[in-house]
Amino acid sequence: MIKSASLNEELFIMLVPNKKSLTPILNIQQAIANHFNLYQDQFYPELHITLDRITKEASQQAEEILASICSTDEPVKILIDSFKCYNLNNKFLALKLNTTDSLLNLATNLHHELEKSNISTIENYDNWEFHITVASTNFAQQQLPEDEFIDLCRSLDGLPKKISTTAQKLEIWRPTLDPKEKVVTSFELM
C-alpha cells in the first residue's frame, strides 16, 4: 500500500494531458465543483496524472532528471477507461486509466531515476495506480458530506468514459490550486 502524501513536505511530479480531448471531463468536473461549492475563486484541480513524489529540497535535482527523461521522442498515450471513487481519508473521484506502454515506460524510467538519486518518496511503486482526479476534497473550501459523496460515487463509479489523448507536459507542482503558485518547473512533451 502506498503511504498518503505529505502536502507540507513533498512536491509532485505531474503528467499533464492534452486537454482538447478532455472537454467532457472538464464539464463534469465543473458541474460537480459548482454543485457542491467545492473550490474558491473558480480554481479547479487541473487534470493531471501524478507520476511520483519528491521531497521539497530535491526540486533542482528532480528538474535535471525530468529534463533528461523528456528528451524522448515517443508520445505518451493516455487511455481513460471509467470513473472510480476512492473513499480514503481524502475523498476523491477519479478517472481510471488503462496503463499504456508509453505511460508505463515514462513512469518507470522516471521513478527509477528518482529512486537512484534517493529523492522519490514513494515506496512500493509497483502498487501505484495511474488516475486523473476529477474532484477532491484536498483543497476544497468545504468537505463533501459523506452521504452526498456516496450518492455521487454510486451514480458515477464504474461508468464507462472512454477517452484517448496524449501527454502534453511533465511538471513539478507544489500542492496548491493557485496556477501562479503551483508549477515549479515545466517540460513540453511531444
N, C-alpha and C. Protein backbone atom coordinates (compact mmCIF):
# COMPACT_ATOMS: atom_id res chain seq x y z
N MET A 1 0.84 -1.19 0.00
CA MET A 1 0.00 0.00 0.00
C MET A 1 0.88 1.24 0.00
N ILE A 2 0.45 2.24 -0.74
CA ILE A 2 1.21 3.49 -0.85
C ILE A 2 0.79 4.43 0.29
N LYS A 3 1.78 4.99 0.96
CA LYS A 3 1.54 5.93 2.04
C LYS A 3 0.98 7.25 1.48
N SER A 4 0.05 7.87 2.19
CA SER A 4 -0.54 9.14 1.77
C SER A 4 0.53 10.21 1.65
N ALA A 5 0.28 11.16 0.76
CA ALA A 5 1.23 12.25 0.53
C ALA A 5 1.27 13.19 1.74
N SER A 6 2.41 13.81 1.92
CA SER A 6 2.58 14.84 2.94
C SER A 6 2.64 16.18 2.22
N LEU A 7 1.53 16.91 2.23
CA LEU A 7 1.43 18.15 1.47
C LEU A 7 2.40 19.22 1.96
N ASN A 8 2.84 19.14 3.22
CA ASN A 8 3.78 20.13 3.75
C ASN A 8 5.23 19.84 3.38
N GLU A 9 5.51 18.59 3.01
CA GLU A 9 6.90 18.19 2.82
C GLU A 9 7.26 17.75 1.41
N GLU A 10 6.26 17.58 0.54
CA GLU A 10 6.53 17.00 -0.76
C GLU A 10 6.11 17.90 -1.92
N LEU A 11 6.77 17.64 -3.05
CA LEU A 11 6.37 18.18 -4.35
C LEU A 11 5.94 16.99 -5.20
N PHE A 12 5.24 17.27 -6.28
CA PHE A 12 4.62 16.21 -7.06
C PHE A 12 5.06 16.28 -8.51
N ILE A 13 5.41 15.13 -9.07
CA ILE A 13 5.77 15.05 -10.49
C ILE A 13 4.48 14.71 -11.24
N MET A 14 4.07 15.63 -12.11
CA MET A 14 2.77 15.53 -12.78
C MET A 14 2.92 15.40 -14.29
N LEU A 15 2.10 14.56 -14.85
CA LEU A 15 1.95 14.44 -16.29
C LEU A 15 0.66 15.17 -16.64
N VAL A 16 0.77 16.18 -17.49
CA VAL A 16 -0.39 16.99 -17.85
C VAL A 16 -0.87 16.57 -19.24
N PRO A 17 -2.11 16.09 -19.33
CA PRO A 17 -2.62 15.64 -20.63
C PRO A 17 -3.03 16.79 -21.52
N ASN A 18 -3.06 16.52 -22.82
CA ASN A 18 -3.60 17.46 -23.79
C ASN A 18 -5.10 17.57 -23.51
N LYS A 19 -5.59 18.77 -23.28
CA LYS A 19 -6.97 18.95 -22.81
C LYS A 19 -8.01 18.99 -23.92
N LYS A 20 -7.59 19.03 -25.18
CA LYS A 20 -8.57 19.11 -26.27
C LYS A 20 -9.57 17.96 -26.23
N SER A 21 -9.10 16.76 -25.92
CA SER A 21 -9.97 15.58 -25.87
C SER A 21 -10.72 15.46 -24.55
N LEU A 22 -10.39 16.29 -23.58
CA LEU A 22 -10.93 16.13 -22.23
C LEU A 22 -12.09 17.06 -21.91
N THR A 23 -12.65 17.74 -22.89
CA THR A 23 -13.74 18.67 -22.65
C THR A 23 -14.90 18.05 -21.88
N PRO A 24 -15.35 16.81 -22.21
CA PRO A 24 -16.44 16.22 -21.43
C PRO A 24 -16.09 16.05 -19.95
N ILE A 25 -14.84 15.73 -19.67
CA ILE A 25 -14.40 15.56 -18.28
C ILE A 25 -14.34 16.91 -17.57
N LEU A 26 -13.84 17.92 -18.26
CA LEU A 26 -13.80 19.26 -17.68
C LEU A 26 -15.21 19.75 -17.35
N ASN A 27 -16.17 19.45 -18.20
CA ASN A 27 -17.56 19.84 -17.94
C ASN A 27 -18.12 19.13 -16.71
N ILE A 28 -17.83 17.84 -16.57
CA ILE A 28 -18.28 17.09 -15.39
C ILE A 28 -17.61 17.64 -14.14
N GLN A 29 -16.32 17.91 -14.24
CA GLN A 29 -15.58 18.46 -13.09
C GLN A 29 -16.20 19.78 -12.63
N GLN A 30 -16.48 20.66 -13.58
CA GLN A 30 -17.06 21.96 -13.25
C GLN A 30 -18.45 21.80 -12.64
N ALA A 31 -19.26 20.91 -13.18
CA ALA A 31 -20.61 20.69 -12.65
C ALA A 31 -20.56 20.19 -11.20
N ILE A 32 -19.67 19.25 -10.92
CA ILE A 32 -19.54 18.72 -9.56
C ILE A 32 -19.06 19.82 -8.62
N ALA A 33 -18.03 20.55 -9.03
CA ALA A 33 -17.47 21.62 -8.19
C ALA A 33 -18.50 22.70 -7.90
N ASN A 34 -19.27 23.08 -8.91
CA ASN A 34 -20.28 24.11 -8.71
C ASN A 34 -21.43 23.62 -7.84
N HIS A 35 -21.88 22.38 -8.10
CA HIS A 35 -23.00 21.83 -7.33
C HIS A 35 -22.67 21.75 -5.84
N PHE A 36 -21.44 21.32 -5.51
CA PHE A 36 -21.05 21.16 -4.11
C PHE A 36 -20.30 22.38 -3.57
N ASN A 37 -20.12 23.41 -4.40
CA ASN A 37 -19.42 24.63 -4.00
C ASN A 37 -18.06 24.27 -3.36
N LEU A 38 -17.27 23.50 -4.11
CA LEU A 38 -16.03 22.94 -3.56
C LEU A 38 -14.86 23.92 -3.51
N TYR A 39 -14.67 24.72 -4.53
CA TYR A 39 -13.43 25.48 -4.64
C TYR A 39 -13.67 26.98 -4.68
N GLN A 40 -12.74 27.72 -4.08
CA GLN A 40 -12.79 29.17 -4.09
C GLN A 40 -12.22 29.72 -5.39
N ASP A 41 -12.65 30.88 -5.77
CA ASP A 41 -12.07 31.62 -6.89
C ASP A 41 -12.07 30.85 -8.21
N GLN A 42 -12.97 29.87 -8.34
CA GLN A 42 -13.09 29.09 -9.56
C GLN A 42 -11.79 28.39 -9.97
N PHE A 43 -10.89 28.14 -9.01
CA PHE A 43 -9.70 27.33 -9.27
C PHE A 43 -10.09 25.88 -9.08
N TYR A 44 -10.14 25.13 -10.17
CA TYR A 44 -10.42 23.70 -10.11
C TYR A 44 -9.08 22.97 -10.17
N PRO A 45 -9.04 21.75 -9.63
CA PRO A 45 -7.81 20.99 -9.81
C PRO A 45 -7.56 20.76 -11.30
N GLU A 46 -6.36 21.10 -11.76
CA GLU A 46 -6.03 20.88 -13.16
C GLU A 46 -5.94 19.37 -13.40
N LEU A 47 -6.52 18.92 -14.51
CA LEU A 47 -6.48 17.49 -14.80
C LEU A 47 -5.03 17.07 -15.01
N HIS A 48 -4.63 16.01 -14.31
CA HIS A 48 -3.24 15.58 -14.32
C HIS A 48 -3.15 14.12 -13.88
N ILE A 49 -1.98 13.55 -14.10
CA ILE A 49 -1.66 12.21 -13.61
C ILE A 49 -0.42 12.36 -12.73
N THR A 50 -0.55 12.02 -11.47
CA THR A 50 0.61 12.07 -10.58
C THR A 50 1.49 10.86 -10.88
N LEU A 51 2.74 11.12 -11.22
CA LEU A 51 3.68 10.04 -11.54
C LEU A 51 4.58 9.69 -10.36
N ASP A 52 4.89 10.68 -9.53
CA ASP A 52 5.80 10.42 -8.42
C ASP A 52 5.73 11.59 -7.45
N ARG A 53 6.42 11.42 -6.32
CA ARG A 53 6.51 12.49 -5.32
C ARG A 53 7.97 12.59 -4.89
N ILE A 54 8.38 13.82 -4.54
CA ILE A 54 9.75 14.05 -4.09
C ILE A 54 9.74 14.97 -2.88
N THR A 55 10.85 15.03 -2.16
CA THR A 55 10.96 15.99 -1.07
C THR A 55 11.12 17.39 -1.67
N LYS A 56 10.69 18.40 -0.94
CA LYS A 56 10.78 19.78 -1.44
C LYS A 56 12.22 20.19 -1.73
N GLU A 57 13.13 19.68 -0.92
CA GLU A 57 14.54 20.04 -1.07
C GLU A 57 15.16 19.48 -2.35
N ALA A 58 14.50 18.52 -2.97
CA ALA A 58 15.09 17.83 -4.12
C ALA A 58 14.62 18.38 -5.47
N SER A 59 14.00 19.53 -5.49
CA SER A 59 13.41 20.02 -6.75
C SER A 59 14.46 20.26 -7.84
N GLN A 60 15.61 20.82 -7.50
CA GLN A 60 16.64 21.09 -8.51
C GLN A 60 17.16 19.79 -9.11
N GLN A 61 17.40 18.82 -8.26
CA GLN A 61 17.88 17.52 -8.72
C GLN A 61 16.82 16.84 -9.60
N ALA A 62 15.56 16.94 -9.20
CA ALA A 62 14.47 16.35 -9.98
C ALA A 62 14.32 17.04 -11.33
N GLU A 63 14.53 18.35 -11.38
CA GLU A 63 14.46 19.08 -12.66
C GLU A 63 15.45 18.52 -13.67
N GLU A 64 16.65 18.23 -13.23
CA GLU A 64 17.67 17.66 -14.11
C GLU A 64 17.23 16.29 -14.64
N ILE A 65 16.64 15.49 -13.77
CA ILE A 65 16.16 14.16 -14.17
C ILE A 65 15.01 14.29 -15.16
N LEU A 66 14.08 15.19 -14.90
CA LEU A 66 12.95 15.40 -15.82
C LEU A 66 13.43 15.88 -17.18
N ALA A 67 14.42 16.77 -17.20
CA ALA A 67 14.96 17.27 -18.46
C ALA A 67 15.52 16.12 -19.31
N SER A 68 16.21 15.19 -18.67
CA SER A 68 16.76 14.07 -19.43
C SER A 68 15.67 13.09 -19.85
N ILE A 69 14.67 12.87 -19.02
CA ILE A 69 13.56 11.97 -19.34
C ILE A 69 12.74 12.53 -20.50
N CYS A 70 12.57 13.84 -20.55
CA CYS A 70 11.72 14.48 -21.57
C CYS A 70 12.37 14.52 -22.95
N SER A 71 13.60 14.09 -23.05
CA SER A 71 14.26 14.14 -24.35
C SER A 71 13.81 13.01 -25.28
N THR A 72 12.93 12.14 -24.81
CA THR A 72 12.42 11.06 -25.64
C THR A 72 11.50 11.58 -26.74
N ASP A 73 11.48 10.89 -27.86
CA ASP A 73 10.63 11.29 -28.98
C ASP A 73 9.28 10.58 -28.98
N GLU A 74 9.10 9.63 -28.07
CA GLU A 74 7.88 8.84 -28.06
C GLU A 74 6.74 9.59 -27.38
N PRO A 75 5.59 9.77 -28.06
CA PRO A 75 4.46 10.41 -27.38
C PRO A 75 3.92 9.48 -26.29
N VAL A 76 3.45 10.09 -25.20
CA VAL A 76 2.90 9.31 -24.10
C VAL A 76 1.38 9.25 -24.29
N LYS A 77 0.88 8.05 -24.57
CA LYS A 77 -0.54 7.86 -24.81
C LYS A 77 -1.27 7.66 -23.49
N ILE A 78 -2.43 8.30 -23.39
CA ILE A 78 -3.27 8.20 -22.20
C ILE A 78 -4.64 7.68 -22.62
N LEU A 79 -5.04 6.57 -22.03
CA LEU A 79 -6.34 5.98 -22.32
C LEU A 79 -7.17 5.96 -21.04
N ILE A 80 -8.27 6.67 -21.06
CA ILE A 80 -9.17 6.73 -19.92
C ILE A 80 -10.23 5.66 -20.10
N ASP A 81 -10.50 4.95 -19.02
CA ASP A 81 -11.40 3.82 -19.07
C ASP A 81 -12.76 4.13 -18.44
N SER A 82 -12.76 4.51 -17.16
CA SER A 82 -14.02 4.71 -16.46
C SER A 82 -13.79 5.54 -15.20
N PHE A 83 -14.90 5.98 -14.58
CA PHE A 83 -14.81 6.69 -13.31
C PHE A 83 -14.55 5.69 -12.19
N LYS A 84 -13.85 6.16 -11.17
CA LYS A 84 -13.62 5.33 -9.99
C LYS A 84 -13.60 6.23 -8.76
N CYS A 85 -14.32 5.84 -7.73
CA CYS A 85 -14.32 6.61 -6.48
C CYS A 85 -13.31 6.02 -5.50
N TYR A 86 -12.59 6.89 -4.84
CA TYR A 86 -11.68 6.49 -3.78
C TYR A 86 -12.21 7.12 -2.50
N ASN A 87 -12.54 6.32 -1.55
CA ASN A 87 -13.06 6.85 -0.29
C ASN A 87 -12.04 6.58 0.81
N LEU A 88 -10.96 7.34 0.75
CA LEU A 88 -9.91 7.21 1.74
C LEU A 88 -10.04 8.38 2.71
N ASN A 89 -8.98 8.75 3.40
CA ASN A 89 -9.03 9.90 4.29
C ASN A 89 -9.44 11.15 3.52
N ASN A 90 -8.92 11.27 2.29
CA ASN A 90 -9.32 12.37 1.42
C ASN A 90 -10.16 11.78 0.30
N LYS A 91 -11.42 12.11 0.29
CA LYS A 91 -12.31 11.55 -0.73
C LYS A 91 -11.98 12.17 -2.08
N PHE A 92 -11.95 11.35 -3.12
CA PHE A 92 -11.84 11.92 -4.44
C PHE A 92 -12.42 11.01 -5.50
N LEU A 93 -12.89 11.64 -6.56
CA LEU A 93 -13.44 10.96 -7.71
C LEU A 93 -12.41 11.05 -8.82
N ALA A 94 -12.08 9.92 -9.41
CA ALA A 94 -11.01 9.89 -10.40
C ALA A 94 -11.44 9.10 -11.64
N LEU A 95 -10.71 9.33 -12.70
CA LEU A 95 -10.87 8.55 -13.91
C LEU A 95 -9.79 7.48 -13.91
N LYS A 96 -10.22 6.26 -14.07
CA LYS A 96 -9.29 5.14 -14.11
C LYS A 96 -8.59 5.13 -15.47
N LEU A 97 -7.29 4.88 -15.48
CA LEU A 97 -6.53 4.85 -16.73
C LEU A 97 -6.15 3.43 -17.08
N ASN A 98 -6.15 3.15 -18.36
CA ASN A 98 -5.52 1.93 -18.85
C ASN A 98 -4.04 2.26 -18.93
N THR A 99 -3.20 1.41 -18.43
CA THR A 99 -1.77 1.68 -18.43
C THR A 99 -1.20 1.34 -19.80
N THR A 100 -0.92 2.36 -20.59
CA THR A 100 -0.33 2.15 -21.91
C THR A 100 1.17 1.88 -21.74
N ASP A 101 1.76 1.28 -22.74
CA ASP A 101 3.20 1.02 -22.69
C ASP A 101 3.99 2.31 -22.54
N SER A 102 3.59 3.35 -23.29
CA SER A 102 4.35 4.60 -23.23
C SER A 102 4.23 5.27 -21.86
N LEU A 103 3.05 5.21 -21.23
CA LEU A 103 2.88 5.77 -19.88
C LEU A 103 3.71 4.96 -18.87
N LEU A 104 3.63 3.66 -18.95
CA LEU A 104 4.37 2.81 -18.03
C LEU A 104 5.88 2.99 -18.20
N ASN A 105 6.36 3.09 -19.44
CA ASN A 105 7.80 3.30 -19.68
C ASN A 105 8.27 4.62 -19.08
N LEU A 106 7.52 5.69 -19.34
CA LEU A 106 7.90 7.00 -18.80
C LEU A 106 7.91 6.97 -17.28
N ALA A 107 6.83 6.48 -16.68
CA ALA A 107 6.71 6.47 -15.22
C ALA A 107 7.78 5.60 -14.57
N THR A 108 8.01 4.43 -15.14
CA THR A 108 9.01 3.52 -14.57
C THR A 108 10.42 4.10 -14.68
N ASN A 109 10.76 4.64 -15.85
CA ASN A 109 12.08 5.26 -16.01
C ASN A 109 12.26 6.44 -15.06
N LEU A 110 11.22 7.26 -14.95
CA LEU A 110 11.28 8.42 -14.06
C LEU A 110 11.48 7.96 -12.61
N HIS A 111 10.65 7.02 -12.16
CA HIS A 111 10.76 6.57 -10.78
C HIS A 111 12.13 5.94 -10.52
N HIS A 112 12.62 5.15 -11.46
CA HIS A 112 13.93 4.53 -11.30
C HIS A 112 15.02 5.59 -11.10
N GLU A 113 14.98 6.64 -11.91
CA GLU A 113 15.99 7.70 -11.80
C GLU A 113 15.85 8.48 -10.50
N LEU A 114 14.61 8.76 -10.08
CA LEU A 114 14.39 9.48 -8.82
C LEU A 114 14.83 8.62 -7.63
N GLU A 115 14.53 7.33 -7.71
CA GLU A 115 14.90 6.40 -6.65
C GLU A 115 16.42 6.24 -6.57
N LYS A 116 17.05 6.15 -7.73
CA LYS A 116 18.51 6.02 -7.80
C LYS A 116 19.19 7.24 -7.14
N SER A 117 18.57 8.39 -7.29
CA SER A 117 19.09 9.62 -6.67
C SER A 117 18.59 9.80 -5.24
N ASN A 118 17.80 8.83 -4.77
CA ASN A 118 17.27 8.83 -3.41
C ASN A 118 16.37 10.04 -3.11
N ILE A 119 15.55 10.45 -4.11
CA ILE A 119 14.67 11.60 -3.87
C ILE A 119 13.19 11.28 -4.04
N SER A 120 12.84 10.10 -4.53
CA SER A 120 11.44 9.72 -4.59
C SER A 120 10.97 9.38 -3.18
N THR A 121 9.76 9.80 -2.84
CA THR A 121 9.22 9.50 -1.50
C THR A 121 8.21 8.36 -1.55
N ILE A 122 8.11 7.69 -2.69
CA ILE A 122 7.14 6.59 -2.84
C ILE A 122 7.84 5.25 -2.67
N GLU A 123 7.35 4.50 -1.73
CA GLU A 123 7.79 3.12 -1.56
C GLU A 123 6.74 2.25 -2.25
N ASN A 124 7.11 1.05 -2.63
CA ASN A 124 6.17 0.12 -3.27
C ASN A 124 5.56 0.70 -4.54
N TYR A 125 6.40 1.22 -5.41
CA TYR A 125 5.90 1.87 -6.64
C TYR A 125 5.11 0.90 -7.52
N ASP A 126 5.33 -0.38 -7.35
CA ASP A 126 4.58 -1.37 -8.13
C ASP A 126 3.08 -1.30 -7.83
N ASN A 127 2.72 -0.74 -6.69
CA ASN A 127 1.30 -0.60 -6.31
C ASN A 127 0.69 0.73 -6.76
N TRP A 128 1.48 1.57 -7.42
CA TRP A 128 1.00 2.89 -7.85
C TRP A 128 -0.12 2.72 -8.88
N GLU A 129 -1.22 3.46 -8.71
CA GLU A 129 -2.36 3.39 -9.62
C GLU A 129 -2.47 4.69 -10.40
N PHE A 130 -2.38 4.61 -11.72
CA PHE A 130 -2.49 5.81 -12.54
C PHE A 130 -3.95 6.21 -12.67
N HIS A 131 -4.22 7.49 -12.40
CA HIS A 131 -5.59 8.00 -12.48
C HIS A 131 -5.54 9.51 -12.72
N ILE A 132 -6.67 10.06 -13.11
CA ILE A 132 -6.83 11.51 -13.25
C ILE A 132 -7.92 11.94 -12.28
N THR A 133 -7.59 12.78 -11.32
CA THR A 133 -8.56 13.24 -10.33
C THR A 133 -9.49 14.27 -10.96
N VAL A 134 -10.80 14.05 -10.76
CA VAL A 134 -11.82 14.97 -11.27
C VAL A 134 -12.31 15.88 -10.14
N ALA A 135 -12.50 15.33 -8.96
CA ALA A 135 -12.94 16.11 -7.80
C ALA A 135 -12.24 15.57 -6.56
N SER A 136 -11.80 16.48 -5.71
CA SER A 136 -11.09 16.09 -4.50
C SER A 136 -11.44 17.06 -3.39
N THR A 137 -11.42 16.57 -2.16
CA THR A 137 -11.65 17.47 -1.03
C THR A 137 -10.35 17.99 -0.44
N ASN A 138 -9.20 17.64 -1.05
CA ASN A 138 -7.91 18.12 -0.54
C ASN A 138 -7.84 19.63 -0.43
N PHE A 139 -8.26 20.33 -1.46
CA PHE A 139 -8.16 21.79 -1.48
C PHE A 139 -9.53 22.45 -1.50
N ALA A 140 -10.56 21.72 -1.13
CA ALA A 140 -11.91 22.23 -1.17
C ALA A 140 -12.14 23.21 -0.03
N GLN A 141 -12.99 24.21 -0.27
CA GLN A 141 -13.31 25.15 0.78
C GLN A 141 -14.27 24.53 1.79
N GLN A 142 -14.90 23.43 1.40
CA GLN A 142 -15.73 22.67 2.33
C GLN A 142 -15.66 21.20 1.96
N GLN A 143 -15.85 20.35 2.93
CA GLN A 143 -15.82 18.92 2.69
C GLN A 143 -17.16 18.46 2.12
N LEU A 144 -17.11 17.47 1.27
CA LEU A 144 -18.34 16.87 0.76
C LEU A 144 -18.98 16.07 1.89
N PRO A 145 -20.27 16.28 2.13
CA PRO A 145 -20.94 15.44 3.12
C PRO A 145 -20.84 13.97 2.69
N GLU A 146 -20.59 13.09 3.66
CA GLU A 146 -20.37 11.67 3.38
C GLU A 146 -21.49 11.07 2.54
N ASP A 147 -22.74 11.35 2.89
CA ASP A 147 -23.86 10.74 2.16
C ASP A 147 -23.95 11.24 0.72
N GLU A 148 -23.62 12.52 0.51
CA GLU A 148 -23.65 13.06 -0.85
C GLU A 148 -22.50 12.50 -1.69
N PHE A 149 -21.34 12.32 -1.06
CA PHE A 149 -20.21 11.71 -1.77
C PHE A 149 -20.55 10.28 -2.18
N ILE A 150 -21.17 9.54 -1.27
CA ILE A 150 -21.57 8.16 -1.57
C ILE A 150 -22.57 8.13 -2.73
N ASP A 151 -23.54 9.05 -2.72
CA ASP A 151 -24.51 9.12 -3.82
C ASP A 151 -23.83 9.45 -5.15
N LEU A 152 -22.90 10.40 -5.12
CA LEU A 152 -22.15 10.76 -6.32
C LEU A 152 -21.37 9.56 -6.84
N CYS A 153 -20.72 8.85 -5.93
CA CYS A 153 -19.96 7.66 -6.32
C CYS A 153 -20.86 6.59 -6.92
N ARG A 154 -21.99 6.37 -6.30
CA ARG A 154 -22.91 5.35 -6.82
C ARG A 154 -23.35 5.68 -8.24
N SER A 155 -23.55 6.95 -8.52
CA SER A 155 -24.03 7.32 -9.85
C SER A 155 -22.92 7.30 -10.91
N LEU A 156 -21.65 7.50 -10.50
CA LEU A 156 -20.57 7.58 -11.48
C LEU A 156 -19.57 6.43 -11.44
N ASP A 157 -19.43 5.77 -10.30
CA ASP A 157 -18.41 4.73 -10.15
C ASP A 157 -18.61 3.61 -11.16
N GLY A 158 -17.56 3.34 -11.92
CA GLY A 158 -17.62 2.28 -12.92
C GLY A 158 -18.24 2.70 -14.24
N LEU A 159 -18.80 3.91 -14.29
CA LEU A 159 -19.42 4.40 -15.52
C LEU A 159 -18.34 4.50 -16.60
N PRO A 160 -18.54 3.86 -17.73
CA PRO A 160 -17.52 3.92 -18.78
C PRO A 160 -17.35 5.34 -19.30
N LYS A 161 -16.13 5.73 -19.50
CA LYS A 161 -15.81 7.04 -20.08
C LYS A 161 -14.56 6.84 -20.91
N LYS A 162 -14.72 6.38 -22.13
CA LYS A 162 -13.59 6.05 -22.99
C LYS A 162 -13.09 7.31 -23.69
N ILE A 163 -11.86 7.68 -23.38
CA ILE A 163 -11.23 8.84 -24.00
C ILE A 163 -9.76 8.51 -24.24
N SER A 164 -9.24 8.96 -25.35
CA SER A 164 -7.83 8.77 -25.67
C SER A 164 -7.21 10.14 -25.92
N THR A 165 -6.04 10.36 -25.34
CA THR A 165 -5.32 11.61 -25.55
C THR A 165 -3.83 11.33 -25.38
N THR A 166 -3.02 12.35 -25.40
CA THR A 166 -1.58 12.22 -25.17
C THR A 166 -1.15 13.19 -24.08
N ALA A 167 0.03 12.96 -23.54
CA ALA A 167 0.58 13.86 -22.53
C ALA A 167 1.16 15.09 -23.23
N GLN A 168 0.96 16.24 -22.61
CA GLN A 168 1.46 17.50 -23.17
C GLN A 168 2.70 17.99 -22.43
N LYS A 169 2.71 17.83 -21.09
CA LYS A 169 3.82 18.35 -20.29
C LYS A 169 4.14 17.41 -19.14
N LEU A 170 5.36 17.51 -18.67
CA LEU A 170 5.80 16.86 -17.44
C LEU A 170 6.23 18.00 -16.52
N GLU A 171 5.63 18.08 -15.32
CA GLU A 171 5.86 19.24 -14.45
C GLU A 171 6.09 18.80 -13.01
N ILE A 172 6.71 19.71 -12.25
CA ILE A 172 6.82 19.56 -10.80
C ILE A 172 5.87 20.60 -10.21
N TRP A 173 4.99 20.14 -9.31
CA TRP A 173 3.98 21.03 -8.71
C TRP A 173 4.13 21.11 -7.20
N ARG A 174 3.77 22.31 -6.69
CA ARG A 174 3.53 22.48 -5.27
C ARG A 174 2.07 22.08 -5.01
N PRO A 175 1.74 21.67 -3.81
CA PRO A 175 0.36 21.28 -3.51
C PRO A 175 -0.55 22.49 -3.29
N THR A 176 -1.02 23.09 -4.37
CA THR A 176 -1.94 24.22 -4.32
C THR A 176 -2.76 24.25 -5.61
N LEU A 177 -3.92 24.88 -5.55
CA LEU A 177 -4.72 25.05 -6.76
C LEU A 177 -4.36 26.33 -7.52
N ASP A 178 -3.72 27.27 -6.85
CA ASP A 178 -3.39 28.55 -7.46
C ASP A 178 -2.41 28.35 -8.63
N PRO A 179 -2.85 28.63 -9.87
CA PRO A 179 -1.99 28.37 -11.03
C PRO A 179 -0.70 29.21 -11.02
N LYS A 180 -0.69 30.34 -10.32
CA LYS A 180 0.51 31.18 -10.26
C LYS A 180 1.55 30.61 -9.30
N GLU A 181 1.11 29.83 -8.33
CA GLU A 181 2.00 29.27 -7.32
C GLU A 181 2.35 27.80 -7.55
N LYS A 182 1.55 27.12 -8.33
CA LYS A 182 1.61 25.66 -8.42
C LYS A 182 2.85 25.12 -9.12
N VAL A 183 3.16 25.59 -10.31
CA VAL A 183 4.19 24.98 -11.15
C VAL A 183 5.59 25.45 -10.73
N VAL A 184 6.43 24.48 -10.35
CA VAL A 184 7.83 24.76 -10.04
C VAL A 184 8.64 24.80 -11.34
N THR A 185 8.42 23.80 -12.19
CA THR A 185 9.07 23.74 -13.48
C THR A 185 8.22 22.92 -14.45
N SER A 186 8.41 23.18 -15.73
CA SER A 186 7.58 22.52 -16.74
C SER A 186 8.42 22.16 -17.97
N PHE A 187 8.15 20.95 -18.50
CA PHE A 187 8.83 20.47 -19.69
C PHE A 187 7.79 20.03 -20.70
N GLU A 188 7.89 20.53 -21.93
CA GLU A 188 6.97 20.14 -23.00
C GLU A 188 7.30 18.74 -23.49
N LEU A 189 6.27 17.98 -23.78
CA LEU A 189 6.43 16.66 -24.39
C LEU A 189 5.90 16.73 -25.81
N MET A 190 6.08 15.65 -26.56
CA MET A 190 5.58 15.59 -27.94
C MET A 190 4.09 15.83 -27.98
